[in-house]
Amino acid sequence: MASLNRLREGQVLYTVTRQKVGNTTLTRAAVHPVRVVRVDLAARRVMASWNGNPERAFSESQVAKWKVTKPVSRPLMH
């Protein structure tokens, strides 16, 4: 988990979200990169680019859910 006080500009973090697999009830874990652009400790906000999109502000509670190391995906078991 990421801590606002330890973030650096240019650091790449990762988010994990659940996504539907096609038109089924199955879901999968999707890992997206988040590039930190600016850290504002006074306002407790981070300007970051999520999944290559334009940068925007993220709150401290959102940043706390980000992963510092890239999660390893496991193959599905049949």
Protein backbone atom coordinates (compact mmCIF):
# COMPACT_ATOMS: atom_id res chain seq x y z
CA MET A 1 0.00 0.00 0.00
CA ALA A 2 1.16 3.51 -0.79
CA SER A 3 1.69 6.23 1.77
CA LEU A 4 1.31 9.88 0.75
CA ASN A 5 4.40 10.88 2.74
CA ARG A 6 6.65 8.41 0.87
CA LEU A 7 5.59 9.20 -2.71
CA ARG A 8 8.01 10.79 -5.19
CA GLU A 9 7.31 12.61 -8.45
CA GLY A 10 7.72 10.25 -11.41
CA GLN A 11 7.09 7.13 -9.30
CA VAL A 12 4.89 4.44 -10.87
CA LEU A 13 2.31 2.72 -8.65
CA TYR A 14 -0.44 0.21 -9.53
CA THR A 15 -4.18 -0.14 -8.99
CA VAL A 16 -6.13 -3.39 -9.02
CA THR A 17 -9.76 -3.33 -10.14
CA ARG A 18 -12.32 -6.00 -10.97
CA GLN A 19 -13.64 -6.19 -14.54
CA LYS A 20 -16.31 -8.28 -16.24
CA VAL A 21 -15.03 -10.81 -18.77
CA GLY A 22 -17.12 -10.20 -21.88
CA ASN A 23 -20.86 -10.83 -21.63
CA THR A 24 -20.56 -13.32 -18.74
CA THR A 25 -20.75 -13.32 -14.96
CA LEU A 26 -17.00 -13.99 -14.68
CA THR A 27 -14.67 -11.27 -13.42
CA ARG A 28 -10.93 -10.76 -13.57
CA ALA A 29 -8.42 -8.57 -11.76
CA ALA A 30 -7.08 -5.75 -13.96
CA VAL A 31 -3.82 -4.02 -13.02
CA HIS A 32 -3.36 -0.40 -14.18
CA PRO A 33 -0.27 1.82 -13.80
CA VAL A 34 -0.50 5.17 -12.02
CA ARG A 35 2.29 7.73 -12.65
CA VAL A 36 2.74 10.32 -9.90
CA VAL A 37 3.13 13.82 -11.37
CA ARG A 38 3.03 16.02 -8.25
CA VAL A 39 2.60 15.48 -4.50
CA ASP A 40 0.92 18.24 -2.44
CA LEU A 41 1.43 17.35 1.22
CA ALA A 42 -0.24 20.56 2.45
CA ALA A 43 -3.52 19.74 0.67
CA ARG A 44 -3.04 15.95 1.14
CA ARG A 45 -3.56 15.41 -2.63
CA VAL A 46 -1.62 13.80 -5.46
CA MET A 47 -1.71 14.79 -9.13
CA ALA A 48 -1.33 11.56 -11.07
CA SER A 49 -1.97 10.00 -14.46
CA TRP A 50 -4.00 6.79 -14.17
CA ASN A 51 -3.64 4.24 -17.01
CA GLY A 52 -2.14 6.82 -19.39
CA ASN A 53 -5.04 9.28 -19.05
CA PRO A 54 -4.53 13.03 -18.43
CA GLU A 55 -3.41 13.85 -14.90
CA ARG A 56 -5.96 14.61 -12.20
CA ALA A 57 -6.09 15.02 -8.43
CA PHE A 58 -6.43 11.98 -6.15
CA SER A 59 -7.21 12.15 -2.44
CA GLU A 60 -5.17 10.53 0.32
CA SER A 61 -7.79 7.76 0.79
CA GLN A 62 -7.56 6.84 -2.91
CA VAL A 63 -3.75 6.82 -2.82
CA ALA A 64 -3.78 4.47 0.20
CA LYS A 65 -5.29 1.72 -2.00
CA TRP A 66 -2.52 1.87 -4.62
CA LYS A 67 0.20 -0.82 -4.69
CA VAL A 68 3.90 0.07 -4.68
CA THR A 69 5.00 -3.15 -6.40
CA LYS A 70 3.24 -4.60 -9.43
CA PRO A 71 0.88 -7.41 -8.37
CA VAL A 72 1.54 -10.79 -9.96
CA SER A 73 -1.44 -12.28 -11.79
CA ARG A 74 -2.18 -15.96 -11.31
CA PRO A 75 -3.57 -18.13 -14.10
CA LEU A 76 -7.18 -19.28 -13.81
CA MET A 77 -7.67 -22.82 -12.57
CA HIS A 78 -10.22 -24.94 -14.37
